[in-house]
Structure formats: structure tokens, C-alpha cells
N, C-alpha and C. Protein backbone atom coordinates (compact mmCIF):
# COMPACT_ATOMS: atom_id res chain seq x y z
N MET A 1 -6.72 15.28 -57.55
CA MET A 1 -5.59 15.76 -56.79
C MET A 1 -6.05 16.66 -55.65
N LYS A 2 -7.05 17.52 -55.96
CA LYS A 2 -7.58 18.40 -54.92
C LYS A 2 -8.21 17.58 -53.80
N LYS A 3 -8.88 16.48 -54.17
CA LYS A 3 -9.52 15.63 -53.16
C LYS A 3 -8.47 14.98 -52.27
N LEU A 4 -7.39 14.53 -52.87
CA LEU A 4 -6.31 13.91 -52.10
C LEU A 4 -5.68 14.93 -51.15
N LEU A 5 -5.39 16.11 -51.65
CA LEU A 5 -4.81 17.16 -50.83
C LEU A 5 -5.77 17.57 -49.72
N PHE A 6 -7.05 17.71 -50.07
CA PHE A 6 -8.06 18.06 -49.08
C PHE A 6 -8.19 16.95 -48.03
N GLY A 7 -8.14 15.69 -48.45
CA GLY A 7 -8.22 14.54 -47.53
C GLY A 7 -7.05 14.52 -46.57
N LEU A 8 -5.83 14.74 -47.09
CA LEU A 8 -4.66 14.78 -46.23
C LEU A 8 -4.72 15.94 -45.23
N LEU A 9 -5.16 17.09 -45.72
CA LEU A 9 -5.30 18.26 -44.86
C LEU A 9 -6.34 17.99 -43.77
N PHE A 10 -7.44 17.36 -44.14
CA PHE A 10 -8.49 17.02 -43.17
C PHE A 10 -7.96 16.05 -42.11
N ILE A 11 -7.19 15.05 -42.53
CA ILE A 11 -6.62 14.08 -41.59
C ILE A 11 -5.65 14.77 -40.64
N LEU A 12 -4.78 15.62 -41.15
CA LEU A 12 -3.83 16.32 -40.30
C LEU A 12 -4.53 17.22 -39.29
N ILE A 13 -5.53 17.94 -39.73
CA ILE A 13 -6.26 18.85 -38.84
C ILE A 13 -7.05 18.06 -37.80
N SER A 14 -7.72 16.99 -38.24
CA SER A 14 -8.54 16.23 -37.29
C SER A 14 -7.68 15.51 -36.25
N THR A 15 -6.53 15.00 -36.65
CA THR A 15 -5.68 14.35 -35.66
C THR A 15 -5.11 15.38 -34.68
N HIS A 16 -4.85 16.58 -35.17
CA HIS A 16 -4.36 17.63 -34.28
C HIS A 16 -5.46 18.07 -33.31
N ILE A 17 -6.68 18.20 -33.81
CA ILE A 17 -7.79 18.64 -32.98
C ILE A 17 -8.15 17.59 -31.94
N PHE A 18 -8.16 16.33 -32.36
CA PHE A 18 -8.58 15.26 -31.46
C PHE A 18 -7.41 14.59 -30.73
N ALA A 19 -6.24 15.16 -30.83
CA ALA A 19 -5.09 14.59 -30.14
C ALA A 19 -5.32 14.63 -28.63
N GLN A 20 -4.94 13.57 -27.98
CA GLN A 20 -5.12 13.47 -26.54
C GLN A 20 -3.85 13.91 -25.84
N LYS A 21 -4.03 14.51 -24.68
CA LYS A 21 -2.88 14.91 -23.88
C LYS A 21 -2.66 13.87 -22.80
N TYR A 22 -1.40 13.57 -22.56
CA TYR A 22 -1.02 12.60 -21.54
C TYR A 22 -0.03 13.24 -20.59
N ALA A 23 -0.05 12.78 -19.36
CA ALA A 23 0.91 13.25 -18.37
C ALA A 23 1.21 12.08 -17.44
N PHE A 24 2.17 12.27 -16.57
CA PHE A 24 2.46 11.23 -15.59
C PHE A 24 2.79 11.85 -14.25
N VAL A 25 2.60 11.08 -13.21
CA VAL A 25 2.99 11.46 -11.86
C VAL A 25 3.71 10.28 -11.22
N ASP A 26 4.45 10.55 -10.19
CA ASP A 26 5.10 9.51 -9.41
C ASP A 26 4.52 9.61 -8.00
N THR A 27 3.55 8.74 -7.70
CA THR A 27 2.87 8.84 -6.40
C THR A 27 3.80 8.54 -5.23
N ASP A 28 4.81 7.69 -5.44
CA ASP A 28 5.78 7.46 -4.36
C ASP A 28 6.51 8.75 -4.03
N TYR A 29 6.94 9.46 -5.05
CA TYR A 29 7.63 10.74 -4.88
C TYR A 29 6.71 11.73 -4.17
N ILE A 30 5.47 11.80 -4.61
CA ILE A 30 4.51 12.74 -4.02
C ILE A 30 4.29 12.42 -2.55
N LEU A 31 3.96 11.15 -2.26
CA LEU A 31 3.66 10.77 -0.88
C LEU A 31 4.87 10.93 0.03
N ASN A 32 6.06 10.64 -0.48
CA ASN A 32 7.26 10.77 0.35
C ASN A 32 7.64 12.22 0.60
N ASN A 33 7.01 13.15 -0.10
CA ASN A 33 7.25 14.57 0.15
C ASN A 33 6.12 15.20 0.97
N ILE A 34 5.25 14.37 1.51
CA ILE A 34 4.18 14.85 2.39
C ILE A 34 4.51 14.39 3.82
N PRO A 35 4.82 15.32 4.70
CA PRO A 35 5.22 14.95 6.07
C PRO A 35 4.18 14.09 6.80
N ALA A 36 2.90 14.36 6.60
CA ALA A 36 1.86 13.59 7.28
C ALA A 36 1.89 12.12 6.85
N TYR A 37 2.22 11.88 5.60
CA TYR A 37 2.31 10.51 5.10
C TYR A 37 3.50 9.80 5.74
N LYS A 38 4.62 10.49 5.80
CA LYS A 38 5.81 9.89 6.44
C LYS A 38 5.52 9.57 7.90
N ALA A 39 4.84 10.48 8.60
CA ALA A 39 4.50 10.26 10.01
C ALA A 39 3.56 9.07 10.15
N ALA A 40 2.60 8.96 9.25
CA ALA A 40 1.65 7.84 9.28
C ALA A 40 2.39 6.53 9.05
N GLN A 41 3.30 6.51 8.09
CA GLN A 41 4.07 5.30 7.80
C GLN A 41 4.94 4.92 9.00
N ASP A 42 5.56 5.91 9.63
CA ASP A 42 6.38 5.64 10.82
C ASP A 42 5.53 5.05 11.94
N LYS A 43 4.33 5.59 12.13
CA LYS A 43 3.44 5.08 13.17
C LYS A 43 3.01 3.65 12.85
N LEU A 44 2.68 3.38 11.60
CA LEU A 44 2.30 2.02 11.20
C LEU A 44 3.45 1.04 11.39
N ASN A 45 4.66 1.46 11.04
CA ASN A 45 5.83 0.60 11.22
C ASN A 45 6.07 0.31 12.70
N GLN A 46 5.89 1.32 13.55
CA GLN A 46 6.08 1.12 14.99
C GLN A 46 5.02 0.17 15.55
N LEU A 47 3.76 0.37 15.15
CA LEU A 47 2.69 -0.53 15.61
C LEU A 47 2.97 -1.96 15.17
N SER A 48 3.37 -2.11 13.93
CA SER A 48 3.66 -3.43 13.39
C SER A 48 4.79 -4.11 14.16
N ALA A 49 5.84 -3.37 14.45
CA ALA A 49 6.97 -3.91 15.20
C ALA A 49 6.55 -4.30 16.62
N ASP A 50 5.73 -3.46 17.26
CA ASP A 50 5.26 -3.76 18.62
C ASP A 50 4.40 -5.03 18.63
N TRP A 51 3.50 -5.13 17.67
CA TRP A 51 2.63 -6.32 17.60
C TRP A 51 3.45 -7.57 17.29
N GLN A 52 4.45 -7.42 16.44
CA GLN A 52 5.29 -8.57 16.11
C GLN A 52 6.06 -9.05 17.34
N LYS A 53 6.56 -8.10 18.14
CA LYS A 53 7.26 -8.46 19.39
C LYS A 53 6.32 -9.21 20.33
N GLU A 54 5.09 -8.72 20.44
CA GLU A 54 4.10 -9.36 21.30
C GLU A 54 3.85 -10.81 20.86
N ILE A 55 3.76 -11.01 19.56
CA ILE A 55 3.54 -12.36 19.03
C ILE A 55 4.76 -13.25 19.28
N GLU A 56 5.96 -12.69 19.11
CA GLU A 56 7.18 -13.46 19.35
C GLU A 56 7.29 -13.89 20.81
N VAL A 57 6.89 -13.02 21.73
CA VAL A 57 6.89 -13.36 23.16
C VAL A 57 5.95 -14.54 23.40
N GLU A 58 4.78 -14.48 22.79
CA GLU A 58 3.81 -15.57 22.96
C GLU A 58 4.34 -16.88 22.38
N TYR A 59 5.01 -16.81 21.24
CA TYR A 59 5.59 -18.02 20.65
C TYR A 59 6.71 -18.58 21.53
N THR A 60 7.43 -17.72 22.21
CA THR A 60 8.47 -18.17 23.14
C THR A 60 7.83 -18.96 24.29
N ILE A 61 6.69 -18.49 24.75
CA ILE A 61 5.96 -19.19 25.82
C ILE A 61 5.52 -20.57 25.35
N VAL A 62 4.97 -20.65 24.13
CA VAL A 62 4.54 -21.94 23.59
C VAL A 62 5.74 -22.87 23.42
N ASP A 63 6.83 -22.34 22.95
CA ASP A 63 8.03 -23.15 22.77
C ASP A 63 8.49 -23.72 24.12
N ARG A 64 8.46 -22.87 25.15
CA ARG A 64 8.85 -23.32 26.50
C ARG A 64 7.88 -24.40 26.99
N MET A 65 6.58 -24.18 26.75
CA MET A 65 5.58 -25.18 27.15
C MET A 65 5.85 -26.52 26.47
N TYR A 66 6.17 -26.48 25.19
CA TYR A 66 6.42 -27.71 24.44
C TYR A 66 7.68 -28.42 24.93
N LYS A 67 8.74 -27.67 25.18
CA LYS A 67 9.99 -28.27 25.66
C LYS A 67 9.80 -28.89 27.06
N ASP A 68 9.07 -28.19 27.92
CA ASP A 68 8.78 -28.74 29.25
C ASP A 68 7.96 -30.02 29.13
N PHE A 69 6.98 -29.99 28.25
CA PHE A 69 6.14 -31.17 28.02
C PHE A 69 6.97 -32.35 27.54
N GLN A 70 7.88 -32.10 26.59
CA GLN A 70 8.74 -33.17 26.07
C GLN A 70 9.62 -33.76 27.17
N ALA A 71 10.10 -32.90 28.04
CA ALA A 71 10.98 -33.36 29.13
C ALA A 71 10.21 -34.17 30.17
N GLU A 72 8.94 -33.82 30.39
CA GLU A 72 8.15 -34.47 31.43
C GLU A 72 7.24 -35.58 30.90
N LYS A 73 7.19 -35.74 29.61
CA LYS A 73 6.24 -36.65 28.97
C LYS A 73 6.31 -38.08 29.53
N VAL A 74 7.50 -38.57 29.78
CA VAL A 74 7.66 -39.94 30.26
C VAL A 74 7.07 -40.14 31.66
N LEU A 75 6.92 -39.06 32.41
CA LEU A 75 6.40 -39.15 33.77
C LEU A 75 4.89 -38.94 33.85
N LEU A 76 4.26 -38.55 32.72
CA LEU A 76 2.84 -38.19 32.74
C LEU A 76 1.96 -39.37 32.33
N THR A 77 0.74 -39.34 32.85
CA THR A 77 -0.24 -40.35 32.44
C THR A 77 -0.78 -39.97 31.08
N ASN A 78 -1.47 -40.92 30.43
CA ASN A 78 -2.05 -40.64 29.10
C ASN A 78 -3.00 -39.45 29.14
N GLU A 79 -3.80 -39.39 30.22
CA GLU A 79 -4.75 -38.27 30.34
C GLU A 79 -4.01 -36.94 30.51
N MET A 80 -2.97 -36.93 31.27
CA MET A 80 -2.17 -35.71 31.48
C MET A 80 -1.47 -35.30 30.17
N ILE A 81 -1.02 -36.29 29.40
CA ILE A 81 -0.38 -36.01 28.11
C ILE A 81 -1.38 -35.33 27.18
N LYS A 82 -2.58 -35.88 27.10
CA LYS A 82 -3.62 -35.30 26.24
C LYS A 82 -3.97 -33.88 26.69
N GLN A 83 -4.03 -33.71 28.02
CA GLN A 83 -4.36 -32.39 28.56
C GLN A 83 -3.27 -31.37 28.19
N ARG A 84 -2.01 -31.73 28.36
CA ARG A 84 -0.89 -30.83 28.03
C ARG A 84 -0.88 -30.52 26.53
N GLU A 85 -1.07 -31.55 25.70
CA GLU A 85 -1.11 -31.34 24.24
C GLU A 85 -2.23 -30.38 23.87
N ALA A 86 -3.38 -30.54 24.53
CA ALA A 86 -4.52 -29.65 24.27
C ALA A 86 -4.19 -28.22 24.69
N GLU A 87 -3.50 -28.05 25.82
CA GLU A 87 -3.11 -26.72 26.30
C GLU A 87 -2.16 -26.05 25.30
N ILE A 88 -1.19 -26.83 24.83
CA ILE A 88 -0.22 -26.29 23.87
C ILE A 88 -0.91 -25.92 22.57
N ALA A 89 -1.80 -26.80 22.09
CA ALA A 89 -2.53 -26.53 20.84
C ALA A 89 -3.42 -25.29 21.00
N ALA A 90 -4.07 -25.16 22.17
CA ALA A 90 -4.94 -24.00 22.42
C ALA A 90 -4.13 -22.71 22.43
N LYS A 91 -2.96 -22.74 23.09
CA LYS A 91 -2.10 -21.55 23.14
C LYS A 91 -1.61 -21.19 21.74
N ASP A 92 -1.25 -22.21 20.95
CA ASP A 92 -0.79 -21.97 19.58
C ASP A 92 -1.91 -21.35 18.74
N LYS A 93 -3.12 -21.86 18.91
CA LYS A 93 -4.28 -21.31 18.17
C LYS A 93 -4.55 -19.87 18.61
N GLU A 94 -4.39 -19.61 19.89
CA GLU A 94 -4.58 -18.26 20.42
C GLU A 94 -3.60 -17.27 19.77
N ILE A 95 -2.36 -17.71 19.60
CA ILE A 95 -1.34 -16.85 18.97
C ILE A 95 -1.67 -16.62 17.50
N LYS A 96 -2.09 -17.67 16.82
CA LYS A 96 -2.46 -17.52 15.40
C LYS A 96 -3.65 -16.58 15.24
N ASP A 97 -4.60 -16.67 16.17
CA ASP A 97 -5.74 -15.75 16.15
C ASP A 97 -5.27 -14.31 16.39
N LEU A 98 -4.31 -14.15 17.29
CA LEU A 98 -3.75 -12.83 17.57
C LEU A 98 -3.05 -12.27 16.32
N GLN A 99 -2.28 -13.13 15.66
CA GLN A 99 -1.62 -12.71 14.41
C GLN A 99 -2.65 -12.26 13.38
N LYS A 100 -3.69 -13.04 13.25
CA LYS A 100 -4.76 -12.73 12.30
C LYS A 100 -5.43 -11.41 12.67
N ARG A 101 -5.66 -11.21 13.99
CA ARG A 101 -6.30 -9.98 14.45
C ARG A 101 -5.44 -8.75 14.13
N PHE A 102 -4.12 -8.89 14.26
CA PHE A 102 -3.22 -7.78 13.99
C PHE A 102 -2.94 -7.60 12.51
N PHE A 103 -2.57 -8.70 11.83
CA PHE A 103 -2.02 -8.59 10.48
C PHE A 103 -2.90 -9.16 9.37
N GLY A 104 -3.98 -9.80 9.70
CA GLY A 104 -4.82 -10.43 8.69
C GLY A 104 -5.62 -9.41 7.88
N PRO A 105 -6.30 -9.90 6.84
CA PRO A 105 -7.15 -8.99 6.06
C PRO A 105 -8.25 -8.43 6.97
N GLY A 106 -8.37 -7.14 6.98
CA GLY A 106 -9.33 -6.49 7.86
C GLY A 106 -8.85 -6.41 9.31
N GLY A 107 -7.58 -6.72 9.54
CA GLY A 107 -7.02 -6.69 10.89
C GLY A 107 -6.70 -5.27 11.35
N GLU A 108 -6.11 -5.21 12.54
CA GLU A 108 -5.80 -3.91 13.15
C GLU A 108 -4.86 -3.06 12.28
N LEU A 109 -3.85 -3.70 11.68
CA LEU A 109 -2.91 -2.95 10.84
C LEU A 109 -3.63 -2.38 9.62
N PHE A 110 -4.49 -3.18 9.01
CA PHE A 110 -5.28 -2.73 7.86
C PHE A 110 -6.16 -1.55 8.25
N LYS A 111 -6.84 -1.67 9.38
CA LYS A 111 -7.73 -0.59 9.84
C LYS A 111 -6.95 0.68 10.14
N LYS A 112 -5.80 0.52 10.77
CA LYS A 112 -4.99 1.69 11.09
C LYS A 112 -4.47 2.35 9.81
N ARG A 113 -4.09 1.53 8.82
CA ARG A 113 -3.65 2.07 7.54
C ARG A 113 -4.79 2.84 6.87
N GLN A 114 -5.99 2.30 6.93
CA GLN A 114 -7.16 2.99 6.37
C GLN A 114 -7.38 4.33 7.07
N GLU A 115 -7.18 4.32 8.37
CA GLU A 115 -7.40 5.52 9.17
C GLU A 115 -6.34 6.59 8.90
N LEU A 116 -5.07 6.18 8.80
CA LEU A 116 -3.98 7.14 8.72
C LEU A 116 -3.56 7.49 7.29
N VAL A 117 -3.51 6.51 6.40
CA VAL A 117 -2.92 6.71 5.08
C VAL A 117 -3.97 7.00 4.00
N LYS A 118 -5.10 6.33 4.06
CA LYS A 118 -6.09 6.46 2.99
C LYS A 118 -6.57 7.90 2.77
N PRO A 119 -6.82 8.69 3.83
CA PRO A 119 -7.23 10.08 3.58
C PRO A 119 -6.18 10.87 2.79
N ILE A 120 -4.91 10.61 3.05
CA ILE A 120 -3.84 11.31 2.33
C ILE A 120 -3.83 10.85 0.87
N GLN A 121 -3.95 9.54 0.66
CA GLN A 121 -3.99 9.02 -0.71
C GLN A 121 -5.20 9.54 -1.47
N ASP A 122 -6.34 9.64 -0.79
CA ASP A 122 -7.55 10.16 -1.44
C ASP A 122 -7.37 11.63 -1.84
N GLU A 123 -6.72 12.38 -0.96
CA GLU A 123 -6.46 13.79 -1.25
C GLU A 123 -5.55 13.93 -2.48
N VAL A 124 -4.51 13.11 -2.54
CA VAL A 124 -3.60 13.12 -3.69
C VAL A 124 -4.37 12.75 -4.96
N TYR A 125 -5.20 11.71 -4.87
CA TYR A 125 -5.98 11.28 -6.04
C TYR A 125 -6.89 12.41 -6.52
N ASN A 126 -7.56 13.09 -5.59
CA ASN A 126 -8.46 14.17 -5.98
C ASN A 126 -7.72 15.32 -6.66
N VAL A 127 -6.52 15.64 -6.20
CA VAL A 127 -5.73 16.69 -6.83
C VAL A 127 -5.31 16.25 -8.23
N ILE A 128 -4.90 15.01 -8.37
CA ILE A 128 -4.51 14.49 -9.70
C ILE A 128 -5.72 14.55 -10.63
N LYS A 129 -6.87 14.17 -10.12
CA LYS A 129 -8.10 14.22 -10.93
C LYS A 129 -8.41 15.66 -11.37
N ASN A 130 -8.26 16.60 -10.45
CA ASN A 130 -8.50 18.01 -10.79
C ASN A 130 -7.51 18.51 -11.84
N ILE A 131 -6.25 18.13 -11.70
CA ILE A 131 -5.23 18.52 -12.70
C ILE A 131 -5.58 17.92 -14.05
N ALA A 132 -6.01 16.67 -14.07
CA ALA A 132 -6.37 16.01 -15.32
C ALA A 132 -7.55 16.71 -15.98
N GLU A 133 -8.55 17.06 -15.17
CA GLU A 133 -9.73 17.72 -15.73
C GLU A 133 -9.42 19.14 -16.20
N SER A 134 -8.68 19.90 -15.39
CA SER A 134 -8.40 21.28 -15.77
C SER A 134 -7.39 21.36 -16.91
N GLY A 135 -6.50 20.37 -17.01
CA GLY A 135 -5.51 20.39 -18.08
C GLY A 135 -5.93 19.60 -19.31
N ASN A 136 -7.16 19.08 -19.29
CA ASN A 136 -7.70 18.28 -20.40
C ASN A 136 -6.78 17.10 -20.75
N TYR A 137 -6.28 16.42 -19.74
CA TYR A 137 -5.46 15.24 -19.97
C TYR A 137 -6.37 14.03 -20.13
N ALA A 138 -6.09 13.23 -21.13
CA ALA A 138 -6.87 12.02 -21.34
C ALA A 138 -6.45 10.96 -20.33
N ILE A 139 -5.16 10.88 -20.07
CA ILE A 139 -4.62 9.87 -19.17
C ILE A 139 -3.47 10.48 -18.38
N ILE A 140 -3.42 10.12 -17.10
CA ILE A 140 -2.26 10.45 -16.29
C ILE A 140 -1.73 9.12 -15.77
N PHE A 141 -0.52 8.79 -16.12
CA PHE A 141 0.10 7.55 -15.71
C PHE A 141 0.78 7.73 -14.35
N ASP A 142 0.87 6.64 -13.61
CA ASP A 142 1.61 6.64 -12.35
C ASP A 142 2.88 5.83 -12.57
N THR A 143 4.01 6.49 -12.60
CA THR A 143 5.27 5.79 -12.85
C THR A 143 5.73 5.01 -11.62
N ALA A 144 5.17 5.29 -10.45
CA ALA A 144 5.56 4.57 -9.23
C ALA A 144 4.99 3.16 -9.22
N ALA A 145 3.92 2.94 -9.93
CA ALA A 145 3.24 1.65 -9.91
C ALA A 145 3.88 0.65 -10.85
N GLY A 146 5.06 0.97 -11.36
CA GLY A 146 5.75 0.05 -12.25
C GLY A 146 5.19 0.05 -13.65
N ALA A 147 4.60 1.13 -14.06
CA ALA A 147 4.08 1.21 -15.41
C ALA A 147 5.22 1.03 -16.39
N SER A 148 4.94 0.35 -17.46
CA SER A 148 6.02 0.09 -18.41
C SER A 148 6.07 1.21 -19.45
N ILE A 149 6.55 2.34 -19.01
CA ILE A 149 6.74 3.49 -19.88
C ILE A 149 8.23 3.56 -20.18
N LEU A 150 8.56 3.55 -21.43
CA LEU A 150 9.97 3.55 -21.80
C LEU A 150 10.58 4.94 -21.81
N PHE A 151 9.77 5.93 -22.07
CA PHE A 151 10.29 7.30 -22.11
C PHE A 151 9.22 8.23 -21.57
N THR A 152 9.65 9.19 -20.77
CA THR A 152 8.75 10.23 -20.29
C THR A 152 9.47 11.56 -20.42
N ASP A 153 8.77 12.50 -20.96
CA ASP A 153 9.31 13.85 -21.08
C ASP A 153 9.04 14.57 -19.77
N PRO A 154 10.07 15.05 -19.10
CA PRO A 154 9.88 15.69 -17.80
C PRO A 154 8.89 16.86 -17.81
N LYS A 155 8.68 17.46 -18.95
CA LYS A 155 7.75 18.60 -18.97
C LYS A 155 6.31 18.15 -18.72
N TYR A 156 6.03 16.86 -18.86
CA TYR A 156 4.69 16.34 -18.61
C TYR A 156 4.54 15.75 -17.21
N ASP A 157 5.60 15.78 -16.42
CA ASP A 157 5.54 15.26 -15.06
C ASP A 157 4.78 16.26 -14.19
N LYS A 158 3.68 15.85 -13.65
CA LYS A 158 2.82 16.72 -12.85
C LYS A 158 2.97 16.49 -11.35
N SER A 159 3.97 15.73 -10.94
CA SER A 159 4.16 15.41 -9.52
C SER A 159 4.34 16.66 -8.67
N ASP A 160 5.20 17.58 -9.11
CA ASP A 160 5.42 18.80 -8.33
C ASP A 160 4.16 19.67 -8.29
N GLU A 161 3.39 19.66 -9.36
CA GLU A 161 2.14 20.42 -9.38
C GLU A 161 1.16 19.85 -8.36
N VAL A 162 1.11 18.53 -8.25
CA VAL A 162 0.25 17.90 -7.25
C VAL A 162 0.69 18.32 -5.85
N LEU A 163 2.00 18.25 -5.58
CA LEU A 163 2.50 18.67 -4.27
C LEU A 163 2.18 20.13 -3.99
N GLU A 164 2.35 20.97 -4.98
CA GLU A 164 2.07 22.40 -4.81
C GLU A 164 0.61 22.63 -4.49
N LYS A 165 -0.29 21.94 -5.19
CA LYS A 165 -1.72 22.12 -4.92
C LYS A 165 -2.12 21.53 -3.56
N LEU A 166 -1.33 20.58 -3.06
CA LEU A 166 -1.58 20.04 -1.73
C LEU A 166 -1.00 20.96 -0.65
N GLY A 167 -0.21 21.96 -1.07
CA GLY A 167 0.36 22.90 -0.13
C GLY A 167 1.77 22.58 0.32
N TYR A 168 2.47 21.72 -0.43
CA TYR A 168 3.84 21.34 -0.08
C TYR A 168 4.79 21.81 -1.14
N LYS A 169 6.03 22.11 -0.73
CA LYS A 169 7.06 22.50 -1.67
C LYS A 169 8.14 21.45 -1.69
N ASN A 170 8.75 21.26 -2.83
CA ASN A 170 9.88 20.34 -2.91
C ASN A 170 11.14 21.17 -3.04
């Protein structure tokens, strides 16, 4: 009986001693409360809209070229038809290359996002890491990333602490 009682006591104490602490943050909430992040997002949205307009203008030109070609096709020689088709195809390829340059992987938008947003995200990550280390948290979940957490106790939400350590108030 003493062994059983001692075993149960040992299990209770060891689980209490080795219990892990968990917390969560909402990175969307954190980032949306940082003015520099909002400004960076606004700048990225403006750049994206400007580049999209530029591409749309170019597509309008190609569309006009194609319609003119269709209207004049009956009057053109075979060589002229091939030349016009090549011009239209070249212009279309030029626009697709422009789209890729702006919006493709490693494109201008990606580079600008790396330049404007990544430093802010890195700073947030470092603060979260420091909170985890100083608070002895085993895991900090991000509820913004769609984590499937069914219940969270607000007392473990460290989002405001991250903002405070970054120098922002909510």
C-alpha cells in the first residue's frame, strides 16, 4: 500500500514538475497594431495596383493590335500576316514577362515585401521567442495561422505583451 501511495505521489509530483507551459499569440492582431506594418502593406497594395494598371494598358494595346489585324487580314499578303502575328505574339510575350517580373516568384512585389514587411515580421518573431524563453513556454501557438485550437484561455494570450515589448500600445 505504501508503494502504491508513494508511486501515485511520485507521478503527481513529476507531472507537476515536468508540466509544459503553453501560450498563444495572434500575429494578425499584432501586425495590424503596428503602424509601420500597415504603412508597408498600403505601399505594397499601391505598387501592386499601379503595376496591374500598367499591365492592363499593355493588354489593351495587344487587343487593339489583334482587332486591327483581324479587320485588315483579308487585305494582307501571307508574309504580312505572318509578320503581324509575330508582332502580336511578341507583344503578348513581353506583357507576360512584365507580369512575371512584377508578380512572379522572386519578382518586384516579392522583393518589395521582403524589404518592407520581413524586418517587421522578424522583429515580432524575435520578441515572441524572447517571451517564450523568459516565460519557459514549451510552445507558443499562432491563432492567426488557422491553428485548430478549440479553446484558449485569454490569460495565456501573449499578443499584447509582444506589442508592448515592441513599443506599441493597444
